[in-house]
Amino acid sequence: MQADLDFQSAILPGVSRTFALTIPVLPEGLADVVANAYLLCRLADTIEDDVGLDHAVKTVFHSRLVAVVRGEADAELFARELAPLLSDRTLTAERELVTQAAKVVRITQSFSPNEQQAIIRCLGRMCAGMPEFQRHKSLDGLSDLNEMNAYCYVVAGVVGEMLTELFCERCPALDDERQELMHLALSFGQGLQMTNILKDIWEDRRAQTCWLPQSVFGADFDLARLDELHTTAAYRHGLEQLIGIAHHHLRNALEYTQRIPAREAGIRRFCLWAIGLAVLTLRKVRKHGGLGSAQRLKISRRSVRATVGLVNLTCFSDRALRALFDIAAVGLPLVREEPDASRA
C-alpha cells in the first residue's frame, strides 16, 4: 500500500500543481482521501477530454470507471484497454494516471465505507452529468443561468458535496450542521467554477467552447460573435452580473468555511486558499473585462504567497476572515442568487 501512496503523491503535481499545494495542508489521513478522490475525478476528465475517443467509447469507459471504484470490475483490465486508445495529445501525467489506475483504486478501497461511498457518489454523478454538457458544447454558450448552475453542479458542486461528507467523517462535530453545509457546498463549487469560466472565456473560445449563459446578455446578444461584441454595453452588463453572482457564491463559501471548527485549521486553510485566490481572480477579470489569455488573468506568485500568509494568520478568527474577505472583494459587484437545493 505504501508504494501506491507514493505513486499518488508523485503523480498529483503532474496533473494539478494547485491541488498538490493545497491538499497537503489537510489533516493526516484526510489528505490521502482527498488526493485520491481528485485523481479519480481527473481520470473521468481524461476520458471525457480525449479527442481520440468517440462519445460511445467515452460512455463505456465512464461506466467502467465507476464500476471499478465500486469493486465490480477489474482495474488492471480497465487500464490496459483504455491506455492504448488515448490520443497523442493526452498529457504524459494523465496517460500515466490511466496506466496506473489500479494503484489509485487500491487506495480508494482501503478507505472507510463512508469515505468510499462519498467518493463513489461524486464520481457517479460527475460521469453521468458532465458528458451531457461536454458533448453539446459550442460557441453559442448555455441557454440561461439555470443551465449554467446545472453545469457547475456536475463538475464542481458534486465535489463540494463529497468534500463535505469527508469533512463530516473527519470531524463528527459537524454532523449537526451537515444539511446546511451541504447546501453551502453547492455555492462553494458554483463560486469556484464560475470564476474558472470567467477566467477562461477566451481560452475556451479557442477550443470552440463557451460556458456563458446567453440569457444574461440579452435576447439579441450572440455569444458566437463575442469577438465582435465584447466592447458592447450588453457584454459589460452581463459580465458584471456574472461576477456579482460568483462573488455571492464565494461569500457563501466563506460562511461554509467558518462553520468548520477553528481547531480544524488544516481544513479551513484548504478551503480559504481556494476562496482567496478566486476572489483575486474575479478582481482581475473585472479589471480586464474578461479579455485576454488565462495567463494574463493568472494570479502572481507574490499574490499567492500573500494570500497564503494572510489566511494562515487569520484562519482561527471568523471576524478577521470576514474583514480580510471584505478588503479583497472591494469594488466587486454583488448579485444574490441561491443554488438549486433540489440538486443536493
Protein backbone atom coordinates (compact mmCIF):
# COMPACT_ATOMS: atom_id res chain seq x y z
CA MET A 1 0.00 0.00 0.00
CA GLN A 2 2.88 2.39 0.70
CA ALA A 3 4.05 2.05 -2.90
CA ASP A 4 0.57 3.02 -4.07
CA LEU A 5 0.52 6.05 -1.76
CA ASP A 6 3.97 7.05 -3.02
CA PHE A 7 2.66 6.93 -6.59
CA GLN A 8 -0.36 9.03 -5.62
CA SER A 9 1.88 11.70 -4.07
CA ALA A 10 4.23 11.68 -7.05
CA ILE A 11 1.55 11.93 -9.77
CA LEU A 12 -0.50 14.70 -8.15
CA PRO A 13 1.79 17.64 -9.10
CA GLY A 14 1.79 16.44 -12.69
CA VAL A 15 -1.98 16.69 -13.03
CA SER A 16 -2.60 19.69 -10.74
CA ARG A 17 0.02 21.98 -9.26
CA THR A 18 -2.71 23.80 -7.33
CA PHE A 19 -4.05 20.73 -5.54
CA ALA A 20 -0.51 19.47 -5.00
CA LEU A 21 0.00 22.61 -2.89
CA THR A 22 -3.35 22.74 -1.08
CA ILE A 23 -4.15 19.10 -0.30
CA PRO A 24 -1.12 18.54 1.98
CA VAL A 25 -2.43 21.17 4.44
CA LEU A 26 -5.34 18.86 5.24
CA PRO A 27 -5.08 16.64 8.34
CA GLU A 28 -3.13 13.41 8.00
CA GLY A 29 -5.34 10.69 6.55
CA LEU A 30 -7.88 13.12 5.13
CA ALA A 31 -5.24 14.46 2.74
CA ASP A 32 -4.79 10.97 1.26
CA VAL A 33 -8.55 10.57 0.78
CA VAL A 34 -8.98 13.96 -0.92
CA ALA A 35 -5.94 13.43 -3.16
CA ASN A 36 -7.29 10.04 -4.16
CA ALA A 37 -10.75 11.44 -4.91
CA TYR A 38 -9.21 14.19 -7.03
CA LEU A 39 -7.23 11.68 -9.09
CA LEU A 40 -10.37 9.62 -9.74
CA CYS A 41 -12.19 12.75 -10.92
CA ARG A 42 -9.19 13.54 -13.10
CA LEU A 43 -9.48 10.08 -14.65
CA ALA A 44 -13.08 10.92 -15.56
CA ASP A 45 -11.91 14.23 -17.07
CA THR A 46 -9.16 12.49 -19.04
CA ILE A 47 -11.69 10.15 -20.61
CA GLU A 48 -14.10 12.97 -21.43
CA ASP A 49 -11.47 15.33 -22.85
CA ASP A 50 -9.64 12.83 -25.05
CA VAL A 51 -10.09 13.71 -28.72
CA GLY A 52 -9.34 10.15 -29.82
CA LEU A 53 -12.39 8.65 -28.14
CA ASP A 54 -15.88 8.91 -29.62
CA HIS A 55 -18.91 9.55 -27.43
CA ALA A 56 -19.94 5.90 -27.23
CA VAL A 57 -16.49 4.78 -26.10
CA LYS A 58 -16.34 7.58 -23.52
CA THR A 59 -19.69 6.48 -22.11
CA VAL A 60 -18.47 2.90 -21.81
CA PHE A 61 -15.26 3.84 -20.01
CA HIS A 62 -17.02 6.28 -17.68
CA SER A 63 -19.36 3.47 -16.64
CA ARG A 64 -16.44 1.08 -16.26
CA LEU A 65 -14.52 3.59 -14.13
CA VAL A 66 -17.41 3.84 -11.68
CA ALA A 67 -17.75 0.05 -11.66
CA VAL A 68 -14.02 -0.32 -10.98
CA VAL A 69 -14.19 2.02 -7.99
CA ARG A 70 -17.25 0.16 -6.71
CA GLY A 71 -15.20 -3.05 -6.84
CA GLU A 72 -17.43 -4.51 -9.56
CA ALA A 73 -14.83 -4.51 -12.38
CA ASP A 74 -11.11 -5.16 -12.76
CA ALA A 75 -8.94 -2.04 -12.55
CA GLU A 76 -5.96 -3.59 -14.37
CA LEU A 77 -8.13 -4.60 -17.32
CA PHE A 78 -9.74 -1.15 -17.40
CA ALA A 79 -6.29 0.48 -17.63
CA ARG A 80 -4.92 -1.97 -20.22
CA GLU A 81 -7.87 -1.42 -22.53
CA LEU A 82 -8.16 2.36 -22.13
CA ALA A 83 -4.49 3.40 -22.32
CA PRO A 84 -3.86 2.36 -25.97
CA LEU A 85 -6.95 4.29 -27.09
CA LEU A 86 -5.77 7.65 -25.74
CA SER A 87 -4.69 10.22 -28.32
CA ASP A 88 -1.15 11.54 -28.70
CA ARG A 89 -2.39 14.85 -27.24
CA THR A 90 -3.02 13.29 -23.83
CA LEU A 91 -0.66 14.73 -21.23
CA THR A 92 2.09 12.40 -20.07
CA ALA A 93 0.92 12.59 -16.45
CA GLU A 94 -2.67 11.80 -17.45
CA ARG A 95 -1.53 8.82 -19.51
CA GLU A 96 0.46 7.52 -16.55
CA LEU A 97 -2.57 8.04 -14.30
CA VAL A 98 -4.63 5.84 -16.62
CA THR A 99 -1.89 3.22 -16.89
CA GLN A 100 -1.53 3.05 -13.10
CA ALA A 101 -5.25 3.37 -12.30
CA ALA A 102 -5.19 0.15 -10.27
CA LYS A 103 -2.85 1.77 -7.73
CA VAL A 104 -5.28 4.65 -7.23
CA VAL A 105 -8.25 2.30 -6.88
CA ARG A 106 -6.46 0.08 -4.35
CA ILE A 107 -6.03 3.15 -2.17
CA THR A 108 -9.73 4.03 -2.56
CA GLN A 109 -10.74 0.56 -1.45
CA SER A 110 -8.65 0.89 1.72
CA PHE A 111 -10.81 3.78 2.98
CA SER A 112 -13.74 3.51 5.37
CA PRO A 113 -17.15 2.55 3.88
CA ASN A 114 -18.44 6.11 4.38
CA GLU A 115 -15.42 7.62 2.63
CA GLN A 116 -15.72 5.19 -0.27
CA GLN A 117 -19.43 5.90 -0.61
CA ALA A 118 -18.86 9.67 -0.73
CA ILE A 119 -16.27 9.24 -3.49
CA ILE A 120 -18.40 6.80 -5.49
CA ARG A 121 -21.46 9.07 -5.30
CA CYS A 122 -19.44 12.06 -6.53
CA LEU A 123 -17.77 10.13 -9.33
CA GLY A 124 -21.04 8.55 -10.45
CA ARG A 125 -22.86 11.87 -10.68
CA MET A 126 -19.92 13.50 -12.45
CA CYS A 127 -19.59 10.71 -15.01
CA ALA A 128 -23.34 10.76 -15.67
CA GLY A 129 -23.80 14.54 -15.85
CA MET A 130 -20.59 16.03 -17.23
CA PRO A 131 -20.80 14.35 -20.66
CA GLU A 132 -24.26 15.80 -21.29
CA PHE A 133 -22.69 19.26 -21.31
CA GLN A 134 -19.31 18.46 -22.81
CA ARG A 135 -20.78 16.71 -25.83
CA HIS A 136 -23.14 19.58 -26.69
CA LYS A 137 -20.69 22.42 -26.08
CA SER A 138 -20.39 25.17 -28.68
CA LEU A 139 -19.65 28.87 -29.10
CA ASP A 140 -23.37 29.55 -28.57
CA GLY A 141 -22.92 29.07 -24.82
CA LEU A 142 -25.51 27.82 -22.35
CA SER A 143 -29.13 28.93 -22.54
CA ASP A 144 -29.56 30.57 -19.14
CA LEU A 145 -28.44 30.71 -15.50
CA ASN A 146 -30.31 27.51 -14.64
CA GLU A 147 -28.34 25.59 -17.24
CA MET A 148 -25.08 27.12 -16.04
CA ASN A 149 -26.00 26.17 -12.46
CA ALA A 150 -26.62 22.59 -13.59
CA TYR A 151 -23.26 22.51 -15.37
CA CYS A 152 -21.45 23.89 -12.33
CA TYR A 153 -23.14 21.26 -10.19
CA VAL A 154 -21.96 18.23 -12.18
CA VAL A 155 -18.36 19.45 -12.45
CA ALA A 156 -17.90 21.22 -9.09
CA GLY A 157 -20.98 21.00 -6.86
CA VAL A 158 -20.70 17.23 -6.61
CA VAL A 159 -17.11 17.70 -5.43
CA GLY A 160 -18.30 20.14 -2.76
CA GLU A 161 -20.83 17.59 -1.55
CA MET A 162 -18.17 14.88 -1.43
CA LEU A 163 -15.73 17.07 0.49
CA THR A 164 -18.48 17.91 2.97
CA GLU A 165 -19.13 14.22 3.58
CA LEU A 166 -15.39 13.63 4.06
CA PHE A 167 -15.05 16.61 6.41
CA CYS A 168 -18.02 15.36 8.48
CA GLU A 169 -16.40 11.93 8.65
CA ARG A 170 -13.21 13.54 9.94
CA CYS A 171 -15.00 15.93 12.33
CA PRO A 172 -18.16 14.37 13.85
CA ALA A 173 -18.99 17.72 15.50
CA LEU A 174 -20.09 18.89 12.03
CA ASP A 175 -22.94 16.36 11.87
CA ASP A 176 -25.42 18.84 13.36
CA GLU A 177 -24.63 21.25 10.53
CA ARG A 178 -24.47 18.69 7.74
CA GLN A 179 -27.66 19.81 5.98
CA GLU A 180 -26.68 23.49 5.89
CA LEU A 181 -23.11 22.62 4.93
CA MET A 182 -24.36 20.52 2.01
CA HIS A 183 -26.41 23.50 0.80
CA LEU A 184 -23.47 25.87 1.15
CA ALA A 185 -21.21 23.32 -0.58
CA LEU A 186 -23.21 23.90 -3.77
CA SER A 187 -22.41 27.60 -3.52
CA PHE A 188 -18.76 26.82 -2.85
CA GLY A 189 -18.49 24.72 -6.00
CA GLN A 190 -20.54 27.20 -8.02
CA GLY A 191 -18.36 30.14 -6.99
CA LEU A 192 -15.11 28.39 -7.89
CA GLN A 193 -16.43 27.03 -11.19
CA MET A 194 -17.96 30.36 -12.25
CA THR A 195 -14.62 32.01 -11.53
CA ASN A 196 -12.91 29.47 -13.79
CA ILE A 197 -15.49 30.05 -16.53
CA LEU A 198 -14.98 33.83 -16.41
CA LYS A 199 -11.19 33.48 -16.30
CA ASP A 200 -11.15 31.11 -19.27
CA ILE A 201 -13.65 32.84 -21.61
CA TRP A 202 -11.10 33.41 -24.35
CA GLU A 203 -9.13 30.21 -23.81
CA ASP A 204 -12.41 28.29 -24.15
CA ARG A 205 -13.30 30.16 -27.34
CA ARG A 206 -10.08 28.98 -28.92
CA ALA A 207 -11.36 25.47 -28.21
CA GLN A 208 -14.72 26.37 -29.83
CA THR A 209 -16.43 26.34 -26.44
CA CYS A 210 -18.41 28.81 -24.36
CA TRP A 211 -19.90 28.21 -20.90
CA LEU A 212 -21.51 31.66 -20.50
CA PRO A 213 -25.33 31.81 -20.12
CA GLN A 214 -26.97 33.50 -23.12
CA SER A 215 -29.89 34.97 -21.15
CA VAL A 216 -27.66 37.20 -19.01
CA PHE A 217 -26.51 39.16 -22.06
CA GLY A 218 -29.95 39.75 -23.59
CA ALA A 219 -32.09 38.02 -26.18
CA ASP A 220 -30.38 39.73 -29.12
CA PHE A 221 -26.81 39.07 -27.99
CA ASP A 222 -24.99 36.39 -29.99
CA LEU A 223 -22.31 34.70 -27.88
CA ALA A 224 -20.89 33.07 -31.01
CA ARG A 225 -19.91 36.61 -32.15
CA LEU A 226 -18.22 37.56 -28.88
CA ASP A 227 -15.05 38.51 -30.75
CA GLU A 228 -17.02 41.40 -32.26
CA LEU A 229 -19.39 42.17 -29.38
CA HIS A 230 -17.08 42.20 -26.35
CA THR A 231 -16.96 46.03 -26.37
CA THR A 232 -20.74 46.44 -26.17
CA ALA A 233 -22.72 47.59 -23.14
CA ALA A 234 -24.67 44.31 -23.20
CA TYR A 235 -21.46 42.31 -22.76
CA ARG A 236 -20.17 44.54 -19.96
CA HIS A 237 -23.52 44.38 -18.15
CA GLY A 238 -23.71 40.59 -18.46
CA LEU A 239 -20.13 40.12 -17.30
CA GLU A 240 -20.77 42.40 -14.32
CA GLN A 241 -23.81 40.33 -13.35
CA LEU A 242 -21.89 37.05 -13.56
CA ILE A 243 -19.02 38.45 -11.49
CA GLY A 244 -21.60 39.57 -8.92
CA ILE A 245 -23.20 36.12 -8.77
CA ALA A 246 -19.81 34.43 -8.40
CA HIS A 247 -18.94 36.91 -5.64
CA HIS A 248 -22.13 35.99 -3.80
CA HIS A 249 -21.33 32.29 -4.02
CA LEU A 250 -17.81 32.88 -2.71
CA ARG A 251 -19.30 34.71 0.29
CA ASN A 252 -21.35 31.58 0.93
CA ALA A 253 -18.13 29.59 0.61
CA LEU A 254 -16.65 31.74 3.37
CA GLU A 255 -19.68 31.01 5.56
CA TYR A 256 -19.21 27.30 4.82
CA THR A 257 -15.60 27.52 5.98
CA GLN A 258 -16.50 29.45 9.13
CA ARG A 259 -18.86 26.65 10.17
CA ILE A 260 -15.86 24.33 10.39
CA PRO A 261 -14.39 24.45 13.93
CA ALA A 262 -11.33 26.68 14.18
CA ARG A 263 -9.38 23.77 15.66
CA GLU A 264 -9.60 22.11 12.22
CA ALA A 265 -7.10 24.61 10.87
CA GLY A 266 -5.98 22.38 8.01
CA ILE A 267 -9.49 22.04 6.59
CA ARG A 268 -10.07 25.77 6.97
CA ARG A 269 -6.83 26.61 5.18
CA PHE A 270 -7.63 24.21 2.34
CA CYS A 271 -10.95 25.99 1.77
CA LEU A 272 -9.71 29.54 2.38
CA TRP A 273 -6.77 29.37 -0.01
CA ALA A 274 -9.18 28.45 -2.81
CA ILE A 275 -11.63 31.21 -1.85
CA GLY A 276 -8.93 33.86 -1.58
CA LEU A 277 -7.41 33.07 -4.96
CA ALA A 278 -10.88 33.01 -6.56
CA VAL A 279 -11.70 36.50 -5.22
CA LEU A 280 -8.41 37.86 -6.56
CA THR A 281 -9.15 36.23 -9.92
CA LEU A 282 -12.59 37.89 -10.07
CA ARG A 283 -10.90 41.24 -9.47
CA LYS A 284 -8.61 40.62 -12.42
CA VAL A 285 -11.49 39.51 -14.64
CA ARG A 286 -13.39 42.69 -13.80
CA LYS A 287 -10.33 44.89 -14.32
CA HIS A 288 -9.64 43.47 -17.76
CA GLY A 289 -13.26 42.95 -18.79
CA GLY A 290 -12.67 39.22 -19.07
CA LEU A 291 -10.37 39.90 -22.02
CA GLY A 292 -7.05 38.27 -22.73
CA SER A 293 -5.47 34.92 -22.07
CA ALA A 294 -5.75 32.94 -18.87
CA GLN A 295 -2.07 33.77 -18.36
CA ARG A 296 -2.92 37.49 -18.26
CA LEU A 297 -5.59 36.83 -15.65
CA LYS A 298 -3.38 34.50 -13.62
CA ILE A 299 -2.62 35.46 -10.03
CA SER A 300 1.05 36.34 -9.49
CA ARG A 301 3.22 34.19 -7.24
CA ARG A 302 3.61 37.19 -4.95
CA SER A 303 -0.17 37.47 -4.57
CA VAL A 304 -0.43 33.73 -3.96
CA ARG A 305 2.20 33.92 -1.20
CA ALA A 306 0.45 36.93 0.34
CA THR A 307 -2.92 35.16 0.27
CA VAL A 308 -1.50 32.03 1.88
CA GLY A 309 0.27 34.08 4.56
CA LEU A 310 -2.77 36.18 5.44
CA VAL A 311 -5.05 33.15 5.53
CA ASN A 312 -2.66 31.32 7.83
CA LEU A 313 -2.62 34.31 10.18
CA THR A 314 -6.39 34.79 10.28
CA CYS A 315 -7.87 31.31 9.83
CA PHE A 316 -8.69 30.94 13.54
CA SER A 317 -10.77 34.16 13.73
CA ASP A 318 -14.11 34.45 11.92
CA ARG A 319 -14.11 38.22 12.40
CA ALA A 320 -10.65 38.57 10.88
CA LEU A 321 -11.62 36.32 7.97
CA ARG A 322 -14.70 38.42 7.20
CA ALA A 323 -12.62 41.59 7.28
CA LEU A 324 -9.97 40.04 5.03
CA PHE A 325 -12.62 38.88 2.55
CA ASP A 326 -14.29 42.31 2.51
CA ILE A 327 -10.98 44.02 1.79
CA ALA A 328 -10.14 41.59 -1.01
CA ALA A 329 -13.62 41.96 -2.55
CA VAL A 330 -13.75 45.78 -2.52
CA GLY A 331 -15.22 47.03 -5.79
CA LEU A 332 -16.73 43.72 -6.86
CA PRO A 333 -20.46 43.78 -7.68
CA LEU A 334 -22.69 41.54 -5.55
CA VAL A 335 -25.71 39.76 -7.02
CA ARG A 336 -27.58 37.31 -4.82
CA GLU A 337 -28.52 34.01 -6.40
CA GLU A 338 -29.06 30.80 -4.47
CA PRO A 339 -28.08 27.39 -5.84
CA ASP A 340 -30.90 24.96 -6.54
CA ALA A 341 -31.05 22.92 -3.34
CA SER A 342 -33.02 20.20 -5.14
CA ARG A 343 -29.77 19.08 -6.78
CA ALA A 344 -28.31 18.06 -3.42
